[in-house]
C-alpha cells in the first residue's frame, strides 16, 4: 500500500474525530485564520497533517485567557447564561445612559461570512448589532466565531471578529 494512501487515511480519520468534537465547532484553525501567504511565510506548510492538528489542538486548549476561563466558570457555577445577562445589559442601545467601558464578548449565532453594507449580527448573548458604516468585506464562512465589541469615540462601538484584523463600526438594535 503506498505511503500517500496511508497518510490520506490517517488524515481522514483525524478529520472525522475533529468533526465529532463539539469544542472544535467554535475554534478557528490556523489554516482558517491565516491567508495563504501567511501560512507559507510561517512555515506551517512544512508540517504534516498530524503535526498541524496537534498544534491547532494545543492552541485551542489555551485560547481562553485566565480571566475568560474564570468568568466562564463563575457563570456556570451561578447557573446564569449570556442571554439573561444581555437582557439587563443596555450598553450600546440608543436610549442607554450606561457608561460601562468594558468590551462585550460573545459569539455570532450561525455562519459568519463578513458584511455587505447592512448586515445584522445576532450574538449568543441575545444582543443584536447592525453594521453602522458602508462597505463590504467577505471571508471564508466561519461557524459561530467569537466577537468582541468595544466602545469607541462619541458613543460609537466597534466589532472585532476572532481571527481577523478588521474592525467594523456597529450599532446595537436589540
N, C-alpha and C. Protein backbone atom coordinates (compact mmCIF):
# COMPACT_ATOMS: atom_id res chain seq x y z
N UNK A 1 0.86 -1.18 0.00
CA UNK A 1 0.00 0.00 0.00
C UNK A 1 0.90 1.24 0.00
N UNK A 2 0.69 2.16 -0.92
CA UNK A 2 1.54 3.36 -1.00
C UNK A 2 1.42 4.22 0.26
N UNK A 3 2.50 4.90 0.59
CA UNK A 3 2.54 5.76 1.78
C UNK A 3 1.52 6.89 1.67
N UNK A 4 1.31 7.41 0.48
CA UNK A 4 0.35 8.51 0.29
C UNK A 4 -1.06 8.07 0.69
N UNK A 5 -1.43 6.84 0.38
CA UNK A 5 -2.75 6.32 0.74
C UNK A 5 -2.87 6.19 2.25
N UNK A 6 -1.81 5.73 2.90
CA UNK A 6 -1.81 5.60 4.36
C UNK A 6 -1.96 6.98 5.01
N UNK A 7 -1.20 7.95 4.53
CA UNK A 7 -1.28 9.31 5.08
C UNK A 7 -2.68 9.89 4.89
N UNK A 8 -3.25 9.69 3.71
CA UNK A 8 -4.59 10.19 3.44
C UNK A 8 -5.60 9.53 4.38
N UNK A 9 -5.47 8.24 4.60
CA UNK A 9 -6.37 7.53 5.51
C UNK A 9 -6.27 8.08 6.93
N UNK A 10 -5.06 8.31 7.39
CA UNK A 10 -4.85 8.86 8.74
C UNK A 10 -5.46 10.25 8.84
N UNK A 11 -5.25 11.06 7.81
CA UNK A 11 -5.80 12.42 7.82
C UNK A 11 -7.32 12.39 7.85
N UNK A 12 -7.95 11.50 7.08
CA UNK A 12 -9.40 11.40 7.08
C UNK A 12 -9.94 10.93 8.42
N UNK A 13 -9.27 9.99 9.04
CA UNK A 13 -9.69 9.52 10.36
C UNK A 13 -9.57 10.65 11.38
N UNK A 14 -8.47 11.39 11.32
CA UNK A 14 -8.28 12.53 12.24
C UNK A 14 -9.36 13.58 12.02
N UNK A 15 -9.70 13.85 10.77
CA UNK A 15 -10.76 14.82 10.48
C UNK A 15 -12.11 14.35 11.01
N UNK A 16 -12.38 13.06 10.91
CA UNK A 16 -13.63 12.53 11.43
C UNK A 16 -13.73 12.74 12.94
N UNK A 17 -12.64 12.51 13.65
CA UNK A 17 -12.64 12.73 15.10
C UNK A 17 -12.80 14.20 15.42
N UNK A 18 -12.14 15.06 14.66
CA UNK A 18 -12.25 16.51 14.90
C UNK A 18 -13.67 16.99 14.65
N UNK A 19 -14.31 16.48 13.62
CA UNK A 19 -15.67 16.91 13.29
C UNK A 19 -16.65 16.47 14.36
N UNK A 20 -16.37 15.36 15.03
CA UNK A 20 -17.27 14.86 16.06
C UNK A 20 -17.12 15.62 17.37
N UNK A 21 -16.06 16.35 17.54
CA UNK A 21 -15.81 17.05 18.79
C UNK A 21 -16.57 18.37 18.84
N UNK A 22 -17.48 18.58 19.82
CA UNK A 22 -18.24 19.82 19.89
C UNK A 22 -17.36 21.04 20.13
N UNK A 23 -16.24 20.89 20.81
CA UNK A 23 -15.37 22.03 21.07
C UNK A 23 -14.75 22.55 19.79
N UNK A 24 -14.59 21.69 18.80
CA UNK A 24 -13.98 22.10 17.54
C UNK A 24 -14.91 23.02 16.74
N UNK A 25 -16.23 22.98 17.00
CA UNK A 25 -17.17 23.78 16.24
C UNK A 25 -16.93 25.27 16.39
N UNK A 26 -16.35 25.70 17.49
CA UNK A 26 -16.21 27.12 17.75
C UNK A 26 -14.78 27.61 17.61
N UNK A 27 -13.87 26.75 17.23
CA UNK A 27 -12.47 27.13 17.15
C UNK A 27 -12.04 27.26 15.69
N UNK A 28 -11.41 28.37 15.36
CA UNK A 28 -10.87 28.56 14.02
C UNK A 28 -9.43 28.06 13.99
N UNK A 29 -9.13 27.16 13.08
CA UNK A 29 -7.78 26.63 12.98
C UNK A 29 -6.85 27.68 12.38
N UNK A 30 -5.56 27.42 12.49
CA UNK A 30 -4.58 28.34 11.91
C UNK A 30 -4.79 28.49 10.41
N UNK A 31 -5.13 27.40 9.75
CA UNK A 31 -5.36 27.45 8.30
C UNK A 31 -6.51 28.38 7.96
N UNK A 32 -7.55 28.40 8.80
CA UNK A 32 -8.70 29.27 8.57
C UNK A 32 -8.39 30.73 8.89
N UNK A 33 -7.55 30.95 9.86
CA UNK A 33 -7.25 32.32 10.29
C UNK A 33 -6.25 33.03 9.39
N UNK A 34 -5.35 32.28 8.79
CA UNK A 34 -4.26 32.89 8.02
C UNK A 34 -4.57 32.96 6.53
N UNK A 35 -3.97 33.94 5.90
CA UNK A 35 -4.00 33.98 4.44
C UNK A 35 -3.02 32.92 3.94
N UNK A 36 -3.11 32.59 2.67
CA UNK A 36 -2.18 31.62 2.10
C UNK A 36 -0.73 32.07 2.24
N UNK A 37 -0.53 33.39 2.06
CA UNK A 37 0.82 33.94 2.18
C UNK A 37 1.35 33.81 3.60
N UNK A 38 0.52 34.12 4.60
CA UNK A 38 0.94 33.99 6.00
C UNK A 38 1.25 32.53 6.34
N UNK A 39 0.43 31.64 5.82
CA UNK A 39 0.60 30.21 6.06
C UNK A 39 1.97 29.74 5.54
N UNK A 40 2.34 30.22 4.36
CA UNK A 40 3.64 29.85 3.78
C UNK A 40 4.79 30.53 4.53
N UNK A 41 4.64 31.83 4.84
CA UNK A 41 5.71 32.58 5.50
C UNK A 41 6.06 32.03 6.88
N UNK A 42 5.06 31.51 7.58
CA UNK A 42 5.30 30.98 8.92
C UNK A 42 5.85 29.56 8.91
N UNK A 43 5.87 28.94 7.74
CA UNK A 43 6.42 27.61 7.64
C UNK A 43 5.45 26.49 8.01
N UNK A 44 4.18 26.83 8.24
CA UNK A 44 3.22 25.80 8.62
C UNK A 44 2.98 24.79 7.50
N UNK A 45 3.23 25.18 6.27
CA UNK A 45 3.05 24.25 5.15
C UNK A 45 4.01 23.07 5.23
N UNK A 46 5.06 23.19 6.04
CA UNK A 46 6.04 22.11 6.18
C UNK A 46 5.58 21.03 7.15
N UNK A 47 4.55 21.33 7.95
CA UNK A 47 4.05 20.35 8.92
C UNK A 47 3.17 19.32 8.22
N UNK A 48 3.22 18.08 8.72
CA UNK A 48 2.30 17.09 8.17
C UNK A 48 0.95 17.25 8.88
N UNK A 49 -0.06 16.50 8.44
CA UNK A 49 -1.41 16.66 8.98
C UNK A 49 -1.48 16.44 10.49
N UNK A 50 -0.75 15.42 10.98
CA UNK A 50 -0.78 15.12 12.41
C UNK A 50 -0.15 16.25 13.22
N UNK A 51 0.96 16.77 12.74
CA UNK A 51 1.65 17.86 13.46
C UNK A 51 0.79 19.13 13.48
N UNK A 52 0.16 19.44 12.35
CA UNK A 52 -0.69 20.62 12.29
C UNK A 52 -1.92 20.46 13.18
N UNK A 53 -2.51 19.26 13.19
CA UNK A 53 -3.66 19.00 14.05
C UNK A 53 -3.28 19.12 15.52
N UNK A 54 -2.09 18.63 15.88
CA UNK A 54 -1.62 18.72 17.27
C UNK A 54 -1.39 20.18 17.66
N UNK A 55 -0.83 20.98 16.76
CA UNK A 55 -0.60 22.40 17.04
C UNK A 55 -1.93 23.14 17.21
N UNK A 56 -2.89 22.88 16.34
CA UNK A 56 -4.21 23.51 16.46
C UNK A 56 -4.89 23.13 17.77
N UNK A 57 -4.77 21.88 18.17
CA UNK A 57 -5.37 21.43 19.44
C UNK A 57 -4.71 22.13 20.62
N UNK A 58 -3.40 22.27 20.59
CA UNK A 58 -2.68 22.95 21.67
C UNK A 58 -3.16 24.40 21.78
N UNK A 59 -3.31 25.07 20.65
CA UNK A 59 -3.77 26.47 20.65
C UNK A 59 -5.21 26.54 21.14
N UNK A 60 -6.08 25.63 20.68
CA UNK A 60 -7.48 25.65 21.10
C UNK A 60 -7.61 25.51 22.61
N UNK A 61 -6.84 24.60 23.20
CA UNK A 61 -6.90 24.37 24.64
C UNK A 61 -6.44 25.59 25.44
N UNK A 62 -5.60 26.40 24.85
CA UNK A 62 -5.06 27.55 25.56
C UNK A 62 -5.61 28.88 25.05
N UNK A 63 -6.69 28.84 24.28
CA UNK A 63 -7.18 30.06 23.65
C UNK A 63 -7.96 30.96 24.61
N UNK A 64 -8.45 30.43 25.70
CA UNK A 64 -9.12 31.27 26.69
C UNK A 64 -8.08 31.91 27.59
N UNK A 65 -8.25 33.19 27.85
CA UNK A 65 -7.37 33.83 28.82
C UNK A 65 -7.78 33.35 30.20
N UNK A 66 -6.93 33.57 31.17
CA UNK A 66 -7.27 33.16 32.54
C UNK A 66 -8.54 33.86 33.00
N UNK A 67 -8.69 35.14 32.65
CA UNK A 67 -9.87 35.90 33.05
C UNK A 67 -11.13 35.33 32.39
N UNK A 68 -11.06 35.01 31.10
CA UNK A 68 -12.21 34.44 30.41
C UNK A 68 -12.59 33.09 31.00
N UNK A 69 -11.60 32.27 31.30
CA UNK A 69 -11.87 30.97 31.90
C UNK A 69 -12.52 31.13 33.28
N UNK A 70 -12.02 32.08 34.06
CA UNK A 70 -12.58 32.34 35.39
C UNK A 70 -14.03 32.82 35.27
N UNK A 71 -14.29 33.76 34.35
CA UNK A 71 -15.66 34.26 34.14
C UNK A 71 -16.59 33.14 33.69
N UNK A 72 -16.12 32.31 32.79
CA UNK A 72 -16.93 31.20 32.31
C UNK A 72 -17.28 30.25 33.45
N UNK A 73 -16.31 29.92 34.28
CA UNK A 73 -16.55 29.04 35.42
C UNK A 73 -17.51 29.67 36.42
N UNK A 74 -17.39 30.98 36.64
CA UNK A 74 -18.30 31.66 37.56
C UNK A 74 -19.73 31.65 37.03
N UNK A 75 -19.90 31.90 35.72
CA UNK A 75 -21.24 31.88 35.12
C UNK A 75 -21.85 30.49 35.22
N UNK A 76 -21.02 29.48 34.95
CA UNK A 76 -21.52 28.11 35.04
C UNK A 76 -21.94 27.77 36.47
N UNK A 77 -21.11 28.18 37.44
CA UNK A 77 -21.41 27.90 38.84
C UNK A 77 -22.68 28.61 39.29
N UNK A 78 -22.89 29.83 38.79
CA UNK A 78 -24.07 30.61 39.17
C UNK A 78 -25.31 30.17 38.41
N UNK A 79 -25.12 29.35 37.38
CA UNK A 79 -26.26 28.89 36.60
C UNK A 79 -26.78 29.94 35.64
N UNK A 80 -26.08 31.05 35.49
CA UNK A 80 -26.51 32.11 34.59
C UNK A 80 -26.06 31.83 33.17
N UNK A 81 -26.73 32.46 32.24
CA UNK A 81 -26.30 32.33 30.85
C UNK A 81 -26.16 33.71 30.23
N UNK A 82 -25.56 33.75 29.07
CA UNK A 82 -25.30 35.02 28.40
C UNK A 82 -26.57 35.75 28.02
N UNK A 83 -27.60 35.03 27.60
CA UNK A 83 -28.82 35.68 27.14
C UNK A 83 -29.52 36.43 28.26
N UNK A 84 -29.56 35.85 29.47
CA UNK A 84 -30.21 36.56 30.58
C UNK A 84 -29.40 37.77 31.00
N UNK A 85 -28.09 37.69 30.90
CA UNK A 85 -27.25 38.85 31.22
C UNK A 85 -27.45 39.96 30.20
N UNK A 86 -27.65 39.60 28.94
CA UNK A 86 -27.85 40.60 27.89
C UNK A 86 -29.16 41.34 28.06
N UNK A 87 -30.15 40.68 28.64
CA UNK A 87 -31.45 41.32 28.83
C UNK A 87 -31.34 42.53 29.75
N UNK A 88 -30.43 42.50 30.69
CA UNK A 88 -30.25 43.63 31.60
C UNK A 88 -29.10 44.53 31.20
N UNK A 89 -28.28 44.10 30.28
CA UNK A 89 -27.14 44.89 29.81
C UNK A 89 -27.61 45.81 28.70
N UNK A 90 -27.66 47.11 28.95
CA UNK A 90 -28.19 48.07 27.99
C UNK A 90 -27.10 48.80 27.22
N UNK A 91 -25.84 48.38 27.41
CA UNK A 91 -24.74 49.04 26.69
C UNK A 91 -24.98 49.02 25.19
N UNK A 92 -24.75 50.16 24.57
CA UNK A 92 -24.86 50.26 23.12
C UNK A 92 -26.23 50.62 22.60
N UNK A 93 -27.27 50.52 23.43
CA UNK A 93 -28.61 50.89 22.98
C UNK A 93 -28.74 52.41 22.93
N UNK A 94 -29.50 52.94 21.96
CA UNK A 94 -29.60 54.40 21.81
C UNK A 94 -30.11 55.12 23.05
N UNK A 95 -31.02 54.50 23.81
CA UNK A 95 -31.59 55.17 24.98
C UNK A 95 -30.83 54.85 26.27
N UNK A 96 -29.66 54.25 26.15
CA UNK A 96 -28.90 53.83 27.33
C UNK A 96 -28.03 54.97 27.87
N UNK A 97 -28.02 55.09 29.19
CA UNK A 97 -27.13 56.05 29.85
C UNK A 97 -25.92 55.33 30.43
N UNK A 98 -25.80 54.05 30.15
CA UNK A 98 -24.73 53.23 30.71
C UNK A 98 -23.39 53.67 30.15
N UNK A 99 -22.46 54.02 31.04
CA UNK A 99 -21.13 54.45 30.59
C UNK A 99 -20.09 53.37 30.86
N UNK A 100 -20.54 52.12 30.94
CA UNK A 100 -19.65 50.99 31.17
C UNK A 100 -18.71 50.85 29.97
N UNK A 101 -17.43 50.88 30.20
CA UNK A 101 -16.43 50.85 29.13
C UNK A 101 -15.89 49.44 28.85
N UNK A 102 -16.41 48.43 29.53
CA UNK A 102 -15.93 47.07 29.30
C UNK A 102 -16.34 46.58 27.91
N UNK A 103 -15.46 45.86 27.23
CA UNK A 103 -15.85 45.28 25.95
C UNK A 103 -16.89 44.17 26.16
N UNK A 104 -17.70 43.96 25.16
CA UNK A 104 -18.71 42.91 25.17
C UNK A 104 -18.14 41.73 24.40
N UNK A 105 -18.14 40.56 25.03
CA UNK A 105 -17.59 39.36 24.38
C UNK A 105 -18.70 38.33 24.24
N UNK A 106 -18.83 37.80 23.03
CA UNK A 106 -19.82 36.77 22.77
C UNK A 106 -19.42 36.03 21.49
N UNK A 107 -20.39 35.37 20.88
CA UNK A 107 -20.17 34.68 19.61
C UNK A 107 -21.33 35.01 18.68
N UNK A 108 -21.05 35.03 17.40
CA UNK A 108 -22.10 35.24 16.40
C UNK A 108 -22.90 33.95 16.29
N UNK A 109 -24.22 34.08 16.23
CA UNK A 109 -25.09 32.92 16.05
C UNK A 109 -25.07 32.54 14.57
N UNK A 110 -24.70 31.31 14.29
CA UNK A 110 -24.72 30.82 12.91
C UNK A 110 -23.43 31.07 12.16
N UNK A 111 -23.55 31.10 10.86
CA UNK A 111 -22.40 31.22 9.97
C UNK A 111 -22.09 32.69 9.70
N UNK A 112 -20.82 33.03 9.82
CA UNK A 112 -20.34 34.40 9.56
C UNK A 112 -19.54 34.38 8.26
N UNK A 113 -19.87 35.32 7.36
CA UNK A 113 -19.17 35.41 6.08
C UNK A 113 -18.71 36.83 5.78
N UNK A 114 -18.66 37.69 6.80
CA UNK A 114 -18.26 39.08 6.60
C UNK A 114 -19.48 39.99 6.67
N UNK A 115 -19.42 41.13 5.93
CA UNK A 115 -20.55 42.07 5.92
C UNK A 115 -20.72 42.66 4.54
N UNK A 116 -21.94 43.19 4.29
CA UNK A 116 -22.24 43.66 2.94
C UNK A 116 -22.94 45.01 2.87
N UNK A 117 -22.86 45.81 3.90
CA UNK A 117 -23.44 47.15 3.87
C UNK A 117 -24.58 47.35 4.84
N UNK A 118 -25.36 46.30 5.08
CA UNK A 118 -26.47 46.40 6.04
C UNK A 118 -26.63 45.11 6.84
N UNK A 119 -25.53 44.51 7.18
CA UNK A 119 -25.52 43.22 7.87
C UNK A 119 -25.95 43.37 9.33
N UNK A 120 -26.76 42.43 9.79
CA UNK A 120 -27.20 42.37 11.19
C UNK A 120 -26.51 41.16 11.82
N UNK A 121 -25.97 41.35 13.02
CA UNK A 121 -25.25 40.30 13.72
C UNK A 121 -26.01 39.94 15.00
N UNK A 122 -26.50 38.71 15.07
CA UNK A 122 -27.15 38.21 16.28
C UNK A 122 -26.10 37.47 17.09
N UNK A 123 -25.99 37.82 18.37
CA UNK A 123 -24.98 37.20 19.22
C UNK A 123 -25.61 36.17 20.15
N UNK A 124 -24.79 35.23 20.61
CA UNK A 124 -25.27 34.19 21.53
C UNK A 124 -25.79 34.77 22.83
N UNK A 125 -25.29 35.95 23.21
CA UNK A 125 -25.73 36.56 24.48
C UNK A 125 -27.08 37.26 24.35
N UNK A 126 -27.71 37.20 23.17
CA UNK A 126 -29.02 37.79 22.96
C UNK A 126 -28.99 39.18 22.35
N UNK A 127 -27.84 39.81 22.30
CA UNK A 127 -27.74 41.14 21.71
C UNK A 127 -27.78 41.03 20.19
N UNK A 128 -28.29 42.10 19.56
CA UNK A 128 -28.32 42.18 18.10
C UNK A 128 -27.68 43.50 17.71
N UNK A 129 -26.70 43.43 16.83
CA UNK A 129 -25.96 44.60 16.37
C UNK A 129 -26.07 44.69 14.86
N UNK A 130 -26.01 45.94 14.35
CA UNK A 130 -26.14 46.18 12.92
C UNK A 130 -24.93 46.96 12.41
N UNK A 131 -24.53 46.66 11.21
CA UNK A 131 -23.42 47.38 10.58
C UNK A 131 -23.79 48.86 10.50
N UNK A 132 -22.88 49.74 10.96
CA UNK A 132 -23.15 51.17 11.02
C UNK A 132 -22.29 51.98 10.06
N UNK A 133 -21.60 51.33 9.19
CA UNK A 133 -20.78 52.01 8.19
C UNK A 133 -20.94 51.29 6.87
N UNK A 134 -20.68 52.01 5.79
CA UNK A 134 -20.83 51.38 4.48
C UNK A 134 -19.64 50.48 4.19
N UNK A 135 -19.77 49.69 3.17
CA UNK A 135 -18.67 48.84 2.76
C UNK A 135 -19.00 47.37 2.87
N UNK A 136 -18.20 46.60 2.16
CA UNK A 136 -18.36 45.15 2.20
C UNK A 136 -17.02 44.51 2.53
N UNK A 137 -17.10 43.33 3.12
CA UNK A 137 -15.92 42.56 3.47
C UNK A 137 -16.35 41.10 3.52
N UNK A 138 -15.73 40.28 2.70
CA UNK A 138 -16.12 38.88 2.64
C UNK A 138 -14.97 37.99 3.06
N UNK A 139 -15.31 36.96 3.83
CA UNK A 139 -14.32 35.99 4.31
C UNK A 139 -14.89 34.59 4.09
N UNK A 140 -14.03 33.60 4.22
CA UNK A 140 -14.48 32.22 4.16
C UNK A 140 -15.46 31.99 5.32
N UNK A 141 -16.53 31.26 5.09
CA UNK A 141 -17.53 31.05 6.14
C UNK A 141 -16.91 30.47 7.42
N UNK A 142 -17.32 31.04 8.55
CA UNK A 142 -16.89 30.55 9.87
C UNK A 142 -18.15 30.31 10.70
N UNK A 143 -18.16 29.23 11.42
CA UNK A 143 -19.31 28.89 12.24
C UNK A 143 -19.14 29.47 13.63
N UNK A 144 -20.05 30.35 14.03
CA UNK A 144 -20.11 30.94 15.37
C UNK A 144 -18.77 31.47 15.88
N UNK A 145 -18.13 32.38 15.15
CA UNK A 145 -16.85 32.91 15.64
C UNK A 145 -17.05 33.82 16.85
N UNK A 146 -16.04 33.89 17.69
CA UNK A 146 -16.07 34.79 18.84
C UNK A 146 -15.95 36.23 18.33
N UNK A 147 -16.63 37.15 19.02
CA UNK A 147 -16.54 38.57 18.69
C UNK A 147 -16.31 39.37 19.96
N UNK A 148 -15.70 40.51 19.78
CA UNK A 148 -15.55 41.47 20.87
C UNK A 148 -16.05 42.80 20.34
N UNK A 149 -16.96 43.42 21.09
CA UNK A 149 -17.49 44.72 20.69
C UNK A 149 -17.00 45.72 21.73
N UNK A 150 -16.25 46.71 21.24
CA UNK A 150 -15.60 47.68 22.12
C UNK A 150 -16.19 49.07 21.93
N UNK A 151 -16.32 49.81 23.03
CA UNK A 151 -16.79 51.19 22.88
C UNK A 151 -15.72 52.03 22.18
N UNK A 152 -16.18 52.96 21.34
CA UNK A 152 -15.27 53.85 20.63
C UNK A 152 -15.53 55.30 21.01
N UNK A 153 -15.16 56.19 20.14
CA UNK A 153 -15.33 57.62 20.37
C UNK A 153 -16.78 58.04 20.15
N UNK A 154 -17.25 58.99 20.95
CA UNK A 154 -18.56 59.63 20.78
C UNK A 154 -19.71 58.64 20.74
N UNK A 155 -19.65 57.64 21.60
CA UNK A 155 -20.74 56.67 21.72
C UNK A 155 -20.77 55.61 20.64
N UNK A 156 -19.75 55.53 19.83
CA UNK A 156 -19.72 54.50 18.79
C UNK A 156 -19.21 53.18 19.36
N UNK A 157 -19.43 52.10 18.61
CA UNK A 157 -18.98 50.76 19.01
C UNK A 157 -18.32 50.10 17.81
N UNK A 158 -17.28 49.32 18.08
CA UNK A 158 -16.56 48.61 17.03
C UNK A 158 -16.54 47.12 17.33
N UNK A 159 -16.83 46.33 16.30
CA UNK A 159 -16.84 44.88 16.44
C UNK A 159 -15.58 44.30 15.81
N UNK A 160 -14.96 43.37 16.53
CA UNK A 160 -13.78 42.67 16.04
C UNK A 160 -14.12 41.18 16.07
N UNK A 161 -13.97 40.52 14.94
CA UNK A 161 -14.26 39.10 14.85
C UNK A 161 -12.97 38.32 15.02
N UNK A 162 -13.04 37.26 15.81
CA UNK A 162 -11.88 36.41 16.07
C UNK A 162 -11.19 36.00 14.78
N UNK A 163 -9.87 36.17 14.77
CA UNK A 163 -9.08 35.75 13.63
C UNK A 163 -9.00 36.75 12.50
N UNK A 164 -9.53 37.97 12.71
CA UNK A 164 -9.48 38.99 11.67
C UNK A 164 -8.78 40.24 12.18
N UNK A 165 -8.21 40.98 11.26
CA UNK A 165 -7.53 42.23 11.61
C UNK A 165 -8.39 43.44 11.29
N UNK A 166 -9.64 43.25 10.94
CA UNK A 166 -10.54 44.34 10.59
C UNK A 166 -11.50 44.64 11.72
N UNK A 167 -11.85 45.92 11.83
CA UNK A 167 -12.87 46.36 12.79
C UNK A 167 -14.04 46.90 11.99
N UNK A 168 -15.22 46.75 12.55
CA UNK A 168 -16.43 47.25 11.90
C UNK A 168 -17.21 48.09 12.89
N UNK A 169 -17.59 49.29 12.48
CA UNK A 169 -18.43 50.13 13.33
C UNK A 169 -19.84 49.54 13.32
N UNK A 170 -20.41 49.33 14.51
CA UNK A 170 -21.73 48.72 14.64
C UNK A 170 -22.59 49.53 15.60
N UNK A 171 -23.91 49.34 15.49
CA UNK A 171 -24.88 49.95 16.41
C UNK A 171 -25.76 48.83 16.94
N UNK A 172 -26.05 48.91 18.22
CA UNK A 172 -26.91 47.89 18.82
C UNK A 172 -28.36 48.21 18.51
N UNK A 173 -29.12 47.21 18.06
CA UNK A 173 -30.54 47.42 17.76
C UNK A 173 -31.44 46.61 18.69
N UNK A 174 -30.88 45.71 19.45
CA UNK A 174 -31.66 44.94 20.43
C UNK A 174 -30.76 44.44 21.54
